[in-house]
Amino acid sequence: MENIHNFKMKSINGQIVDFSDYEGKPMLIVNTASKCGFTGQYEGLEELNKKYADQGLVILGFPCNQFLGQEPGLDGEISEFCTMNYGVSFRMFSKIDVNGKDESPLYTFLKSKAPFQGFPNKEIGDKLTGILKENSPEFIEGDNIKWNFTKFLVSKDGKTIKRFESSVSPKEMEKEIEKML
């Protein structure tokens, strides 16, 4: 697909969501996990949602179990975890793969438009690379998603897509989000 607004994805409660509904709104797309060192970012994502949803920002969470099995639950369990622990009110989707033979076409598209540029934090990057070498060496190469909570910020028209690695907190993205509102 050539345009992000052509995608349709299944929400965590089974509804088909047409991304054309998000035309004219910036989107923040995140692969999530409930048992990850970065899981606390749900809190920051929810803060961004509360602060900017009225200005059009749409946050879309995609649970993924490809990184050390850190999202083992079923969709209902994931939804309950997010609501109970972080008060998540932004849209969550059904669990997907973000890399490999079964990866979601959405993530194939996102990675093609916003390739991996390296880790902004060398210490965390080195740690994640070590974990990947040991457990998922196929994810190290190229533009693969390296870990949970990789974020893609998509402009209102869907043409500009910026990638932020796991170690970049939602708060650190705020200036970029404001530019796209």
C-alpha atoms as a PDB file:
ATOM      1  CA  MET A   1       0.000   0.000   0.000  1.00  0.00           C
ATOM      2  CA  GLU A   2       1.251   3.410  -0.853  1.00  0.00           C
ATOM      3  CA  ASN A   3      -0.694   5.397   1.727  1.00  0.00           C
ATOM      4  CA  ILE A   4      -1.125   4.708   5.430  1.00  0.00           C
ATOM      5  CA  HIS A   5      -4.745   5.820   5.198  1.00  0.00           C
ATOM      6  CA  ASN A   6      -5.506   2.739   3.047  1.00  0.00           C
ATOM      7  CA  PHE A   7      -4.909   0.292   5.922  1.00  0.00           C
ATOM      8  CA  LYS A   8      -7.590  -1.474   7.917  1.00  0.00           C
ATOM      9  CA  MET A   9      -6.655  -3.183  11.182  1.00  0.00           C
ATOM     10  CA  LYS A  10      -8.519  -5.172  13.828  1.00  0.00           C
ATOM     11  CA  SER A  11      -8.943  -3.395  17.174  1.00  0.00           C
ATOM     12  CA  ILE A  12      -8.322  -5.199  20.458  1.00  0.00           C
ATOM     13  CA  ASN A  13     -12.082  -5.723  20.818  1.00  0.00           C
ATOM     14  CA  GLY A  14     -12.478  -7.148  17.318  1.00  0.00           C
ATOM     15  CA  GLN A  15     -13.735  -4.165  15.313  1.00  0.00           C
ATOM     16  CA  ILE A  16     -12.175  -3.343  11.948  1.00  0.00           C
ATOM     17  CA  VAL A  17     -10.679   0.149  12.062  1.00  0.00           C
ATOM     18  CA  ASP A  18     -10.277   1.995   8.763  1.00  0.00           C
ATOM     19  CA  PHE A  19      -7.229   4.252   8.836  1.00  0.00           C
ATOM     20  CA  SER A  20      -8.947   6.600   6.388  1.00  0.00           C
ATOM     21  CA  ASP A  21     -10.793   7.780   9.512  1.00  0.00           C
ATOM     22  CA  TYR A  22      -7.474   9.315  10.608  1.00  0.00           C
ATOM     23  CA  GLU A  23      -6.868  11.433   7.510  1.00  0.00           C
ATOM     24  CA  GLY A  24      -6.073  14.985   8.602  1.00  0.00           C
ATOM     25  CA  LYS A  25      -4.862  13.825  12.018  1.00  0.00           C
ATOM     26  CA  PRO A  26      -1.320  13.035  13.135  1.00  0.00           C
ATOM     27  CA  MET A  27      -0.898   9.444  14.326  1.00  0.00           C
ATOM     28  CA  LEU A  28       1.506   7.946  16.829  1.00  0.00           C
ATOM     29  CA  ILE A  29       1.793   4.199  16.178  1.00  0.00           C
ATOM     30  CA  VAL A  30       3.510   2.079  18.850  1.00  0.00           C
ATOM     31  CA  ASN A  31       4.229  -1.644  19.261  1.00  0.00           C
ATOM     32  CA  THR A  32       3.545  -2.423  22.903  1.00  0.00           C
ATOM     33  CA  ALA A  33       4.104  -5.140  25.512  1.00  0.00           C
ATOM     34  CA  SER A  34       2.833  -5.628  29.062  1.00  0.00           C
ATOM     35  CA  LYS A  35       5.939  -7.256  30.573  1.00  0.00           C
ATOM     36  CA  CYS A  36       8.749  -5.100  29.187  1.00  0.00           C
ATOM     37  CA  GLY A  37      11.221  -2.734  30.791  1.00  0.00           C
ATOM     38  CA  PHE A  38       9.616  -0.009  28.669  1.00  0.00           C
ATOM     39  CA  THR A  39       6.006  -0.876  29.676  1.00  0.00           C
ATOM     40  CA  GLY A  40       5.927   2.243  31.855  1.00  0.00           C
ATOM     41  CA  GLN A  41       5.783   4.223  28.600  1.00  0.00           C
ATOM     42  CA  TYR A  42       2.052   3.444  28.549  1.00  0.00           C
ATOM     43  CA  GLU A  43       1.806   6.184  31.185  1.00  0.00           C
ATOM     44  CA  GLY A  44       3.576   8.734  28.979  1.00  0.00           C
ATOM     45  CA  LEU A  45       1.543   7.720  25.949  1.00  0.00           C
ATOM     46  CA  GLU A  46      -1.675   8.198  27.903  1.00  0.00           C
ATOM     47  CA  GLU A  47      -0.453  11.640  29.053  1.00  0.00           C
ATOM     48  CA  LEU A  48       0.161  12.608  25.410  1.00  0.00           C
ATOM     49  CA  ASN A  49      -3.275  11.271  24.532  1.00  0.00           C
ATOM     50  CA  LYS A  50      -4.974  13.371  27.214  1.00  0.00           C
ATOM     51  CA  LYS A  51      -2.992  16.472  26.274  1.00  0.00           C
ATOM     52  CA  TYR A  52      -3.267  16.330  22.467  1.00  0.00           C
ATOM     53  CA  ALA A  53      -6.304  14.216  21.480  1.00  0.00           C
ATOM     54  CA  ASP A  54      -8.477  17.341  21.342  1.00  0.00           C
ATOM     55  CA  GLN A  55      -5.971  18.823  18.871  1.00  0.00           C
ATOM     56  CA  GLY A  56      -6.233  15.745  16.651  1.00  0.00           C
ATOM     57  CA  LEU A  57      -3.454  13.407  17.788  1.00  0.00           C
ATOM     58  CA  VAL A  58      -4.398   9.747  17.478  1.00  0.00           C
ATOM     59  CA  ILE A  59      -2.352   7.166  19.394  1.00  0.00           C
ATOM     60  CA  LEU A  60      -2.573   3.581  18.175  1.00  0.00           C
ATOM     61  CA  GLY A  61      -1.103   0.734  20.242  1.00  0.00           C
ATOM     62  CA  PHE A  62      -0.224  -2.626  18.684  1.00  0.00           C
ATOM     63  CA  PRO A  63       0.638  -5.381  21.180  1.00  0.00           C
ATOM     64  CA  CYS A  64       3.420  -7.682  19.992  1.00  0.00           C
ATOM     65  CA  ASN A  65       4.904 -10.829  21.563  1.00  0.00           C
ATOM     66  CA  GLN A  66       8.060 -11.070  19.418  1.00  0.00           C
ATOM     67  CA  PHE A  67      10.544  -9.731  21.973  1.00  0.00           C
ATOM     68  CA  LEU A  68      11.305 -12.295  24.696  1.00  0.00           C
ATOM     69  CA  GLY A  69       7.612 -13.210  24.914  1.00  0.00           C
ATOM     70  CA  GLN A  70       6.832  -9.964  26.772  1.00  0.00           C
ATOM     71  CA  GLU A  71       3.220  -9.833  25.568  1.00  0.00           C
ATOM     72  CA  PRO A  72       1.911 -13.370  26.173  1.00  0.00           C
ATOM     73  CA  GLY A  73      -1.714 -12.468  26.952  1.00  0.00           C
ATOM     74  CA  LEU A  74      -4.818 -12.693  24.828  1.00  0.00           C
ATOM     75  CA  ASP A  75      -6.373  -9.471  23.528  1.00  0.00           C
ATOM     76  CA  GLY A  76      -8.890  -9.262  26.402  1.00  0.00           C
ATOM     77  CA  GLU A  77      -6.142  -9.714  29.012  1.00  0.00           C
ATOM     78  CA  ILE A  78      -3.967  -7.086  27.330  1.00  0.00           C
ATOM     79  CA  SER A  79      -6.863  -4.625  27.200  1.00  0.00           C
ATOM     80  CA  GLU A  80      -7.645  -5.179  30.879  1.00  0.00           C
ATOM     81  CA  PHE A  81      -3.964  -4.783  31.854  1.00  0.00           C
ATOM     82  CA  CYS A  82      -3.667  -1.487  29.955  1.00  0.00           C
ATOM     83  CA  THR A  83      -6.862  -0.078  31.437  1.00  0.00           C
ATOM     84  CA  MET A  84      -6.311  -1.252  35.018  1.00  0.00           C
ATOM     85  CA  ASN A  85      -2.613  -0.353  35.295  1.00  0.00           C
ATOM     86  CA  TYR A  86      -2.257   2.710  33.064  1.00  0.00           C
ATOM     87  CA  GLY A  87      -5.758   4.006  32.382  1.00  0.00           C
ATOM     88  CA  VAL A  88      -5.129   3.622  28.662  1.00  0.00           C
ATOM     89  CA  SER A  89      -7.907   5.312  26.716  1.00  0.00           C
ATOM     90  CA  PHE A  90      -6.186   5.494  23.319  1.00  0.00           C
ATOM     91  CA  ARG A  91      -7.033   2.861  20.711  1.00  0.00           C
ATOM     92  CA  MET A  92      -5.417  -0.537  21.158  1.00  0.00           C
ATOM     93  CA  PHE A  93      -5.359  -3.178  18.447  1.00  0.00           C
ATOM     94  CA  SER A  94      -5.269  -6.934  18.250  1.00  0.00           C
ATOM     95  CA  LYS A  95      -1.844  -8.510  18.824  1.00  0.00           C
ATOM     96  CA  ILE A  96       0.352  -8.612  15.697  1.00  0.00           C
ATOM     97  CA  ASP A  97       3.874  -9.450  14.534  1.00  0.00           C
ATOM     98  CA  VAL A  98       6.029  -6.460  13.568  1.00  0.00           C
ATOM     99  CA  ASN A  99       8.892  -8.461  12.002  1.00  0.00           C
ATOM    100  CA  GLY A 100       9.338 -11.668  10.046  1.00  0.00           C
ATOM    101  CA  LYS A 101       7.239 -13.845   7.788  1.00  0.00           C
ATOM    102  CA  ASP A 102       3.965 -13.061   9.575  1.00  0.00           C
ATOM    103  CA  GLU A 103       4.560  -9.353  10.077  1.00  0.00           C
ATOM    104  CA  SER A 104       1.650  -7.009   9.639  1.00  0.00           C
ATOM    105  CA  PRO A 105       1.673  -5.169   6.292  1.00  0.00           C
ATOM    106  CA  LEU A 106       1.236  -1.971   8.332  1.00  0.00           C
ATOM    107  CA  TYR A 107       4.669  -2.497   9.861  1.00  0.00           C
ATOM    108  CA  THR A 108       6.199  -3.433   6.504  1.00  0.00           C
ATOM    109  CA  PHE A 109       4.926  -0.071   5.272  1.00  0.00           C
ATOM    110  CA  LEU A 110       6.105   1.900   8.326  1.00  0.00           C
ATOM    111  CA  LYS A 111       9.608   0.397   8.221  1.00  0.00           C
ATOM    112  CA  SER A 112       9.911   1.161   4.494  1.00  0.00           C
ATOM    113  CA  LYS A 113       9.003   4.818   5.088  1.00  0.00           C
ATOM    114  CA  ALA A 114      11.034   5.324   8.293  1.00  0.00           C
ATOM    115  CA  PRO A 115      14.073   3.039   8.332  1.00  0.00           C
ATOM    116  CA  PHE A 116      16.147   2.234  11.399  1.00  0.00           C
ATOM    117  CA  GLN A 117      18.646   5.051  12.041  1.00  0.00           C
ATOM    118  CA  GLY A 118      20.424   3.564  15.049  1.00  0.00           C
ATOM    119  CA  PHE A 119      19.799   3.847  18.754  1.00  0.00           C
ATOM    120  CA  PRO A 120      19.885   7.388  20.174  1.00  0.00           C
ATOM    121  CA  ASN A 121      21.105   6.060  23.518  1.00  0.00           C
ATOM    122  CA  LYS A 122      24.279   3.987  23.030  1.00  0.00           C
ATOM    123  CA  GLU A 123      24.106   2.236  26.389  1.00  0.00           C
ATOM    124  CA  ILE A 124      20.521   1.048  25.920  1.00  0.00           C
ATOM    125  CA  GLY A 125      21.199   0.308  22.251  1.00  0.00           C
ATOM    126  CA  ASP A 126      24.162  -1.890  23.122  1.00  0.00           C
ATOM    127  CA  LYS A 127      22.090  -3.730  25.725  1.00  0.00           C
ATOM    128  CA  LEU A 128      19.199  -4.346  23.302  1.00  0.00           C
ATOM    129  CA  THR A 129      21.595  -5.438  20.564  1.00  0.00           C
ATOM    130  CA  GLY A 130      23.130  -7.967  22.958  1.00  0.00           C
ATOM    131  CA  ILE A 131      19.708  -9.354  23.868  1.00  0.00           C
ATOM    132  CA  LEU A 132      18.760  -9.535  20.188  1.00  0.00           C
ATOM    133  CA  LYS A 133      22.016 -11.322  19.250  1.00  0.00           C
ATOM    134  CA  GLU A 134      21.239 -13.968  21.844  1.00  0.00           C
ATOM    135  CA  ASN A 135      17.492 -14.356  21.292  1.00  0.00           C
ATOM    136  CA  SER A 136      16.406 -12.901  17.922  1.00  0.00           C
ATOM    137  CA  PRO A 137      19.490 -12.306  15.761  1.00  0.00           C
ATOM    138  CA  GLU A 138      17.293 -11.996  12.660  1.00  0.00           C
ATOM    139  CA  PHE A 139      15.908  -8.701  14.029  1.00  0.00           C
ATOM    140  CA  ILE A 140      19.327  -6.999  14.237  1.00  0.00           C
ATOM    141  CA  GLU A 141      19.780  -6.482  10.523  1.00  0.00           C
ATOM    142  CA  GLY A 142      18.174  -3.793   8.409  1.00  0.00           C
ATOM    143  CA  ASP A 143      15.075  -1.872   9.343  1.00  0.00           C
ATOM    144  CA  ASN A 144      13.460  -4.474  11.581  1.00  0.00           C
ATOM    145  CA  ILE A 145      11.759  -3.284  14.742  1.00  0.00           C
ATOM    146  CA  LYS A 146      14.400  -3.798  17.413  1.00  0.00           C
ATOM    147  CA  TRP A 147      12.198  -3.864  20.524  1.00  0.00           C
ATOM    148  CA  ASN A 148       8.861  -3.054  22.126  1.00  0.00           C
ATOM    149  CA  PHE A 149       7.733   0.576  22.196  1.00  0.00           C
ATOM    150  CA  THR A 150       9.260   1.590  18.881  1.00  0.00           C
ATOM    151  CA  LYS A 151       7.189   4.594  17.834  1.00  0.00           C
ATOM    152  CA  PHE A 152       6.208   6.006  14.441  1.00  0.00           C
ATOM    153  CA  LEU A 153       4.888   9.560  14.232  1.00  0.00           C
ATOM    154  CA  VAL A 154       2.829  10.093  11.079  1.00  0.00           C
ATOM    155  CA  SER A 155       1.892  13.538   9.742  1.00  0.00           C
ATOM    156  CA  LYS A 156      -1.715  14.580   9.066  1.00  0.00           C
ATOM    157  CA  ASP A 157      -1.364  13.857   5.348  1.00  0.00           C
ATOM    158  CA  GLY A 158       0.404  10.545   5.989  1.00  0.00           C
ATOM    159  CA  LYS A 159       3.437  11.566   3.937  1.00  0.00           C
ATOM    160  CA  THR A 160       5.955  12.267   6.728  1.00  0.00           C
ATOM    161  CA  ILE A 161       6.771   9.378   9.029  1.00  0.00           C
ATOM    162  CA  LYS A 162       9.385   9.654  11.778  1.00  0.00           C
ATOM    163  CA  ARG A 163      10.697   6.692  13.745  1.00  0.00           C
ATOM    164  CA  PHE A 164      11.641   6.792  17.416  1.00  0.00           C
ATOM    165  CA  GLU A 165      13.330   3.827  19.049  1.00  0.00           C
ATOM    166  CA  SER A 166      12.246   2.221  22.332  1.00  0.00           C
ATOM    167  CA  SER A 167      14.544   4.289  24.534  1.00  0.00           C
ATOM    168  CA  VAL A 168      12.915   7.559  23.401  1.00  0.00           C
ATOM    169  CA  SER A 169      10.207   8.350  25.927  1.00  0.00           C
ATOM    170  CA  PRO A 170       6.834   9.721  24.845  1.00  0.00           C
ATOM    171  CA  LYS A 171       7.694  12.994  26.660  1.00  0.00           C
ATOM    172  CA  GLU A 172      10.858  13.368  24.541  1.00  0.00           C
ATOM    173  CA  MET A 173       8.705  13.271  21.399  1.00  0.00           C
ATOM    174  CA  GLU A 174       6.411  16.096  22.452  1.00  0.00           C
ATOM    175  CA  LYS A 175       8.067  18.851  20.375  1.00  0.00           C
ATOM    176  CA  GLU A 176       7.879  16.693  17.225  1.00  0.00           C
ATOM    177  CA  ILE A 177       4.216  15.945  17.948  1.00  0.00           C
ATOM    178  CA  GLU A 178       3.434  19.653  18.398  1.00  0.00           C
ATOM    179  CA  LYS A 179       5.003  20.410  14.998  1.00  0.00           C
ATOM    180  CA  MET A 180       2.572  17.972  13.360  1.00  0.00           C
ATOM    181  CA  LEU A 181      -0.617  19.151  15.071  1.00  0.00           C
END
